Protein backbone atom coordinates (compact mmCIF):
# COMPACT_ATOMS: atom_id res chain seq x y z
CA MET A 1 -6.20 9.67 55.42
CA ILE A 2 -7.33 11.25 52.18
CA THR A 3 -7.55 15.02 52.49
CA SER A 4 -8.95 17.66 50.18
CA LYS A 5 -5.37 18.71 49.38
CA ILE A 6 -4.49 15.21 48.16
CA ILE A 7 -7.66 15.06 46.05
CA SER A 8 -7.03 18.47 44.53
CA ASN A 9 -3.41 17.56 43.79
CA GLY A 10 -4.60 14.36 42.10
CA ILE A 11 -7.11 16.28 39.99
CA LEU A 12 -4.46 18.81 39.03
CA ARG A 13 -2.01 16.06 38.04
CA ALA A 14 -4.71 14.35 35.96
CA LEU A 15 -5.60 17.63 34.24
CA ALA A 16 -1.91 18.36 33.63
CA THR A 17 -1.45 14.87 32.11
CA ILE A 18 -4.47 15.35 29.84
CA LEU A 19 -3.18 18.77 28.82
CA VAL A 20 0.29 17.39 28.00
CA ILE A 21 -1.24 14.55 25.96
CA ALA A 22 -3.46 17.03 24.10
CA ILE A 23 -0.48 19.29 23.34
CA VAL A 24 1.59 16.32 22.10
CA LEU A 25 -1.27 15.10 19.87
CA TYR A 26 -1.80 18.62 18.52
CA PHE A 27 1.93 18.93 17.85
CA LEU A 28 1.97 15.59 16.03
CA TYR A 29 -1.03 16.71 13.99
CA GLU A 30 0.73 19.95 13.02
CA ILE A 31 3.89 18.10 11.91
CA GLN A 32 2.04 15.25 10.19
CA THR A 33 3.80 16.07 6.91
CA VAL A 34 7.19 15.59 8.58
CA ILE A 35 5.97 12.28 10.04
CA VAL A 36 4.93 11.15 6.55
CA TYR A 37 8.38 12.11 5.23
CA LEU A 38 10.02 10.10 8.02
CA CYS A 39 7.85 7.04 7.33
CA ILE A 40 8.57 7.18 3.57
CA SER A 41 12.27 7.65 4.28
CA LEU A 42 12.28 4.67 6.64
CA LEU A 43 10.52 2.55 4.00
CA LEU A 44 13.07 3.60 1.37
CA CYS A 45 15.85 2.81 3.82
CA LEU A 46 14.48 -0.71 4.31
CA ILE A 47 14.22 -1.24 0.54
CA ALA A 48 17.69 0.21 -0.05
CA ASN A 49 19.41 -1.74 2.71
CA PRO A 50 20.28 -4.89 0.66
CA LEU A 51 21.86 -2.77 -2.09
CA VAL A 52 23.78 -0.70 0.47
CA GLN A 53 25.11 -3.84 2.15
CA PHE A 54 26.13 -5.24 -1.24
CA LEU A 55 28.03 -2.06 -2.13
CA LYS A 56 29.74 -1.97 1.26
CA ASN A 57 30.58 -5.66 1.60
CA LYS A 58 31.28 -6.73 -1.98
CA LEU A 59 32.53 -3.53 -3.61
CA LYS A 60 34.07 -2.06 -0.42
CA PHE A 61 32.24 1.27 -0.72
CA SER A 62 32.31 3.63 2.25
CA ASN A 63 29.04 4.40 4.08
CA SER A 64 28.72 7.78 2.38
CA LEU A 65 29.51 6.48 -1.11
CA ALA A 66 27.17 3.49 -0.74
CA ALA A 67 24.33 5.73 0.47
CA THR A 68 24.95 8.29 -2.30
CA THR A 69 25.09 5.61 -5.02
CA THR A 70 21.89 3.98 -3.79
CA LEU A 71 19.98 7.26 -3.70
CA LEU A 72 21.23 8.18 -7.17
CA ILE A 73 19.86 4.86 -8.46
CA PHE A 74 16.51 5.61 -6.78
CA ILE A 75 16.44 9.11 -8.28
CA LEU A 76 17.26 7.82 -11.78
CA MET A 77 14.51 5.21 -11.50
CA MET A 78 12.00 7.83 -10.34
CA VAL A 79 12.96 10.29 -13.10
CA GLY A 80 12.69 7.50 -15.66
CA PHE A 81 9.24 6.57 -14.37
CA ILE A 82 8.06 10.18 -14.50
CA PHE A 83 9.31 10.82 -18.04
CA LEU A 84 8.20 7.47 -19.44
CA PHE A 85 4.91 6.76 -17.72
CA VAL A 86 3.36 9.86 -16.10
CA PRO A 87 2.42 11.51 -19.45
CA LEU A 88 0.88 8.19 -20.51
CA ILE A 89 -1.06 7.92 -17.24
CA ILE A 90 -2.39 11.49 -17.62
CA SER A 91 -3.34 10.91 -21.26
CA GLN A 92 -5.18 7.66 -20.59
CA ALA A 93 -6.84 9.10 -17.48
CA ASN A 94 -8.17 11.91 -19.68
CA ASN A 95 -9.41 9.39 -22.23
CA LEU A 96 -11.27 7.53 -19.48
CA SER A 97 -12.53 10.85 -18.00
CA LEU A 98 -11.04 9.82 -14.65
CA LEU A 99 -10.05 13.44 -14.09
CA ASP A 100 -13.59 14.77 -14.55
CA THR A 101 -16.29 13.56 -12.15
CA ASN A 102 -19.25 14.74 -14.27
CA GLN A 103 -17.88 13.24 -17.48
CA LEU A 104 -17.08 9.95 -15.73
CA GLN A 105 -20.61 9.79 -14.35
CA HIS A 106 -22.03 10.56 -17.80
CA GLN A 107 -20.02 7.75 -19.38
CA PHE A 108 -21.10 5.35 -16.66
CA MET A 109 -24.75 6.22 -17.24
CA GLU A 110 -24.30 5.64 -20.98
CA THR A 111 -22.78 2.25 -20.22
CA GLU A 112 -25.67 1.48 -17.87
CA LYS A 113 -28.16 2.31 -20.65
CA SER A 114 -26.36 -0.05 -23.04
CA ILE A 115 -26.47 -2.83 -20.45
CA GLU A 116 -30.15 -2.12 -19.75
CA THR A 117 -31.01 -2.25 -23.46
CA TYR A 118 -29.22 -5.59 -23.80
CA PHE A 119 -31.06 -7.12 -20.85
CA ASN A 120 -34.39 -5.76 -22.06
CA VAL A 121 -33.83 -7.68 -25.30
CA GLN A 122 -33.24 -10.72 -23.10
CA HIS A 123 -36.55 -9.94 -21.28
CA VAL A 124 -34.79 -9.10 -18.00
CA ASP A 125 -35.93 -5.93 -16.19
CA LEU A 126 -32.47 -4.67 -15.23
CA ASN A 127 -33.73 -1.18 -14.41
CA LYS A 128 -35.97 -2.56 -11.66
CA MET A 129 -33.13 -4.74 -10.34
CA LEU A 130 -30.80 -1.72 -10.14
CA LYS A 131 -33.40 0.41 -8.41
CA ASP A 132 -34.14 -2.32 -5.90
CA SER A 133 -30.44 -2.83 -5.16
CA LYS A 134 -29.71 0.95 -5.20
CA VAL A 135 -26.32 0.23 -6.79
CA THR A 136 -26.19 3.49 -8.73
CA SER A 137 -26.90 5.63 -5.69
CA MET A 138 -24.12 3.91 -3.75
CA LEU A 139 -21.45 4.65 -6.38
CA ASP A 140 -19.25 7.62 -5.55
CA PHE A 141 -17.66 8.85 -8.77
CA THR A 142 -15.66 11.49 -6.91
CA TYR A 143 -13.62 8.63 -5.43
CA PHE A 144 -12.12 7.65 -8.79
CA THR A 145 -11.47 11.19 -9.97
CA GLY A 146 -10.22 12.23 -6.53
CA PHE A 147 -7.88 9.23 -6.41
CA ILE A 148 -6.31 9.98 -9.81
CA ASN A 149 -6.17 13.74 -9.21
CA SER A 150 -4.53 13.21 -5.81
CA ILE A 151 -1.81 11.06 -7.41
CA LEU A 152 -1.18 13.59 -10.17
CA GLY A 153 -1.36 16.50 -7.73
CA PHE A 154 1.14 14.75 -5.48
CA MET A 155 3.48 14.25 -8.44
CA ALA A 156 3.13 17.90 -9.40
CA ASP A 157 3.68 19.34 -5.91
CA MET A 158 6.16 16.90 -4.44
CA GLY A 159 9.33 18.86 -5.23
CA MET A 160 10.00 19.90 -1.63
CA GLY A 161 8.80 16.53 -0.39
CA ILE A 162 11.21 14.64 -2.64
CA VAL A 163 14.15 16.75 -1.49
CA SER A 164 13.17 16.25 2.16
CA VAL A 165 12.58 12.50 1.81
CA PHE A 166 15.87 11.83 0.01
CA PHE A 167 17.78 14.06 2.44
CA ILE A 168 16.38 12.13 5.42
CA THR A 169 16.84 8.78 3.66
CA PHE A 170 20.50 9.56 2.93
CA PHE A 171 21.27 9.94 6.62
CA PHE A 172 19.09 6.96 7.58
CA VAL A 173 21.10 4.79 5.18
CA LYS A 174 24.51 6.35 5.84
CA ASP A 175 24.38 6.57 9.64
CA GLN A 176 22.28 3.57 10.62
CA ASP A 177 25.28 2.03 12.42
CA ASN A 178 25.80 5.28 14.31
CA PHE A 179 22.12 5.35 15.25
CA LYS A 180 22.46 1.86 16.69
CA ALA A 181 25.58 2.88 18.67
CA THR A 182 23.77 5.94 20.03
CA ALA A 183 20.77 3.81 20.94
CA ARG A 184 23.02 1.51 22.95
CA LYS A 185 24.10 4.46 25.09
CA ILE A 186 20.50 5.54 25.75
CA LEU A 187 18.83 2.19 26.28
CA PRO A 188 18.72 0.58 29.74
CA ASP A 189 21.59 -1.87 30.21
CA ASN A 190 19.44 -4.82 31.25
CA ASN A 191 17.37 -4.76 28.01
CA GLU A 192 19.90 -3.24 25.63
CA ASP A 193 20.80 -6.41 23.71
CA LYS A 194 17.18 -7.52 23.46
CA ILE A 195 16.07 -4.19 22.01
CA ILE A 196 18.99 -4.02 19.56
CA ASN A 197 18.35 -7.62 18.44
CA SER A 198 14.65 -6.85 18.00
CA VAL A 199 15.38 -3.80 15.85
CA THR A 200 17.89 -5.75 13.75
CA LYS A 201 15.48 -8.64 13.12
CA ILE A 202 12.56 -6.29 12.41
CA ASN A 203 14.72 -4.42 9.92
CA HIS A 204 15.67 -7.72 8.26
CA PHE A 205 12.11 -9.05 7.97
CA LEU A 206 10.51 -5.77 6.89
CA THR A 207 13.23 -5.22 4.28
CA ARG A 208 12.42 -8.62 2.77
CA TYR A 209 8.70 -7.98 2.99
CA PHE A 210 8.66 -4.56 1.32
CA ILE A 211 11.05 -5.62 -1.45
CA GLY A 212 8.87 -8.67 -2.03
CA LEU A 213 5.71 -6.55 -2.04
CA LEU A 214 7.24 -4.15 -4.57
CA LEU A 215 8.21 -7.10 -6.77
CA GLN A 216 4.74 -8.60 -6.43
CA LEU A 217 3.02 -5.36 -7.49
CA THR A 218 5.36 -5.07 -10.47
CA VAL A 219 4.64 -8.64 -11.59
CA VAL A 220 0.87 -8.17 -11.15
CA PHE A 221 0.99 -4.87 -13.07
CA ILE A 222 2.84 -6.50 -15.98
CA LEU A 223 0.40 -9.44 -16.10
CA TYR A 224 -2.63 -7.11 -15.95
CA LEU A 225 -1.09 -5.00 -18.71
CA ILE A 226 -0.52 -8.08 -20.89
CA VAL A 227 -4.17 -9.17 -20.44
CA LEU A 228 -5.50 -5.72 -21.36
CA VAL A 229 -3.18 -5.36 -24.38
CA ILE A 230 -4.12 -8.83 -25.67
CA PHE A 231 -7.79 -7.83 -25.71
CA GLY A 232 -7.09 -4.48 -27.34
CA ASN A 233 -7.85 -2.10 -24.47
CA LYS A 234 -6.67 1.39 -25.49
CA ASN A 235 -6.32 2.46 -21.84
CA ALA A 236 -4.42 -0.64 -20.76
CA PHE A 237 -1.64 1.12 -18.88
CA VAL A 238 -3.73 3.26 -16.52
CA ILE A 239 -6.23 0.45 -15.79
CA ALA A 240 -3.39 -1.99 -15.01
CA PHE A 241 -1.69 0.68 -12.89
CA LEU A 242 -4.81 1.35 -10.78
CA CYS A 243 -5.62 -2.34 -10.32
CA ALA A 244 -2.03 -3.18 -9.37
CA ILE A 245 -2.06 -0.46 -6.68
CA LEU A 246 -5.27 -1.95 -5.26
CA ASN A 247 -3.35 -5.22 -4.80
CA ILE A 248 -1.70 -3.58 -1.78
CA ILE A 249 -4.95 -4.35 0.06
CA PRO A 250 -4.76 -8.08 0.87
CA TYR A 251 -7.50 -10.39 -0.43
CA ILE A 252 -10.20 -7.79 -1.20
CA GLY A 253 -7.93 -5.48 -3.22
CA PRO A 254 -7.69 -7.86 -6.22
CA ILE A 255 -11.48 -8.35 -6.17
CA ILE A 256 -12.06 -4.59 -6.23
CA GLY A 257 -9.44 -4.30 -8.98
CA THR A 258 -11.20 -6.89 -11.16
CA ILE A 259 -14.55 -5.13 -10.79
CA LEU A 260 -12.90 -1.78 -11.53
CA ALA A 261 -11.19 -3.23 -14.62
CA GLY A 262 -14.52 -4.51 -15.91
CA ILE A 263 -16.24 -1.15 -15.37
CA LEU A 264 -13.41 0.89 -16.92
CA THR A 265 -13.20 -1.49 -19.89
CA MET A 266 -16.91 -0.95 -20.62
CA ILE A 267 -16.60 2.82 -20.13
CA SER A 268 -13.64 2.98 -22.51
CA MET A 269 -15.72 1.34 -25.26
CA ILE A 270 -18.65 3.77 -25.25
CA GLY A 271 -20.19 3.88 -28.73
CA SER A 272 -19.39 0.24 -29.59
CA ASP A 273 -22.03 -2.45 -29.88
CA PHE A 274 -22.70 -3.86 -26.42
CA GLN A 275 -23.56 -7.45 -27.35
CA SER A 276 -20.89 -8.09 -29.96
CA GLU A 277 -18.00 -5.97 -28.63
CA ILE A 278 -18.34 -4.50 -25.11
CA LEU A 279 -19.75 -7.55 -23.32
CA PRO A 280 -17.36 -10.19 -24.77
CA ARG A 281 -14.25 -8.05 -24.25
CA THR A 282 -15.25 -7.20 -20.67
CA ILE A 283 -15.81 -10.89 -19.90
CA TYR A 284 -12.43 -11.80 -21.41
CA VAL A 285 -10.71 -9.08 -19.35
CA ILE A 286 -12.36 -10.28 -16.13
CA ILE A 287 -11.39 -13.89 -16.87
CA GLY A 288 -7.84 -12.76 -17.60
CA PHE A 289 -7.69 -10.83 -14.31
CA LEU A 290 -9.01 -13.85 -12.42
CA ILE A 291 -6.23 -15.99 -13.94
CA VAL A 292 -3.65 -13.37 -12.90
CA GLN A 293 -5.07 -13.41 -9.37
CA ALA A 294 -4.91 -17.21 -9.29
CA ILE A 295 -1.21 -17.00 -10.24
CA ASP A 296 -0.63 -14.25 -7.67
CA ASN A 297 -2.53 -15.99 -4.87
CA ASN A 298 -0.79 -19.32 -5.38
CA ILE A 299 2.73 -18.16 -6.20
CA SER A 300 3.50 -14.51 -5.39
CA GLN A 301 1.55 -13.92 -2.18
CA PRO A 302 2.60 -17.12 -0.34
CA ILE A 303 6.25 -16.34 -1.05
CA ILE A 304 5.98 -12.72 0.09
CA SER A 305 3.51 -12.92 2.94
CA SER A 306 4.77 -16.10 4.55
CA LYS A 307 8.38 -16.74 3.52
CA SER A 308 9.50 -13.11 3.70
CA VAL A 309 8.31 -12.80 7.32
CA ASN A 310 8.56 -16.50 8.24
CA SER A 311 4.88 -16.93 9.09
CA HIS A 312 2.36 -19.60 8.11
CA PRO A 313 -0.10 -18.54 5.35
CA LEU A 314 -3.09 -19.35 7.61
CA GLU A 315 -1.55 -17.23 10.34
CA ILE A 316 -1.18 -14.34 7.88
CA PHE A 317 -4.76 -14.76 6.68
CA LEU A 318 -6.25 -14.72 10.19
CA VAL A 319 -4.19 -11.69 11.26
CA THR A 320 -5.17 -9.79 8.11
CA LEU A 321 -8.83 -10.73 8.54
CA ILE A 322 -8.94 -9.65 12.19
CA SER A 323 -7.11 -6.39 11.38
CA GLY A 324 -9.54 -5.70 8.55
CA ILE A 325 -12.59 -6.26 10.74
CA THR A 326 -11.12 -4.12 13.53
CA PHE A 327 -9.39 -1.29 11.67
CA GLY A 328 -10.71 -1.49 8.12
CA ILE A 329 -8.60 -1.29 4.96
CA VAL A 330 -5.71 0.51 6.68
CA GLY A 331 -5.58 -2.32 9.22
CA MET A 332 -5.34 -4.90 6.43
CA ILE A 333 -2.47 -3.03 4.77
CA ILE A 334 -0.35 -2.69 7.93
CA ALA A 335 -1.35 -6.03 9.49
CA ILE A 336 1.62 -8.12 8.31
CA PRO A 337 4.39 -5.59 9.15
CA VAL A 338 2.92 -4.85 12.60
CA PHE A 339 2.33 -8.54 13.34
CA THR A 340 5.92 -9.32 12.38
CA MET A 341 7.24 -6.59 14.68
CA VAL A 342 5.14 -7.88 17.58
CA LYS A 343 6.35 -11.46 17.04
CA VAL A 344 10.01 -10.41 16.98
CA ILE A 345 9.63 -8.38 20.19
CA LEU A 346 7.83 -11.22 21.96
CA LYS A 347 10.52 -13.67 20.82
CA GLU A 348 13.28 -11.50 22.28
CA PHE A 349 11.64 -10.59 25.58
CA PHE A 350 9.60 -13.73 26.38
CA PRO A 351 11.46 -16.63 24.72
CA ASP A 352 10.54 -19.11 27.48
CA ASN A 353 6.79 -18.51 27.30
CA LYS A 354 5.12 -21.57 25.73
CA ILE A 355 2.58 -19.60 23.69
CA VAL A 356 5.23 -17.21 22.42
CA SER A 357 7.59 -20.08 21.55
CA VAL A 358 4.84 -21.74 19.47
CA LEU A 359 3.91 -18.52 17.65
CA THR A 360 7.51 -17.57 16.94
CA GLU A 361 9.11 -20.94 16.25
CA ARG A 362 9.73 -20.01 12.59
CA ILE A 363 11.53 -16.74 13.44
């Protein structure tokens, strides 16, 4: 028989549960910076793992020496990037007015006037078309300036963050075997091997994926840079850099990058003749970017997205599409790593299930 005491106890337990969840969420919100540091450190650990294993297995380095050597290499690469490229990025961003919202908007409006004048000569009422489509009102210039300023601000203020990330990464790399041994003591005996195997396989696949993704972005950046240099773009480096970063977003990122490259190319040529200089060069740049994307889509992406995580390209496409529809751009970015983790876990815990065996036959 249900009494008032039972009901009140149930209500109190429910309220206590909600309160605990709220406190945990608030705590996680307050330490979000630490969580970001942990995630970056874990990513660096995954990228560093092949080099660490090489140093330990081939050169017989100790755990501490292998971890220290790997982090020193990372630090030297980062310092080299900062000294070689950051001043160039800042300089070219200034030239493009990407650091000043009002100036960027002014340059865009000047470009729009040049385009309008050209189409008026061709007896096309572009002004009416733009007003009907409301393209100008939908553009948010603070996005571009905010994006660049956030990157530069992060680089300027990341001293403590760098120290924290590398400190955490050092122990992730150095003591990963100890972490596994400790986990074995904590995990329930009946599922211990399955969980350990899942973690090992996930680490293997994600290491391959993130290294491949880093290589892909580097290749795309170099190809974009070559295209822009060939056609004499004075701001080639920063445009290639921005468009390469957008390639992190599967499928739609390259499209956005091509449009952005076209817009920034026109903006960078303010004062030149539109018909004889701006328009032809912009068209050549867009064609060049489309060729780079064709190379990337048919060579780089299939190797990284399918071979690195042992999944069929169609499978990857559908998962990315569903994640994008459900969770937006963030969903598209994390779709492949999360999907890979889910597949590995299903493979370990439900190997006899027919659906699971079909989905995970390549793992």
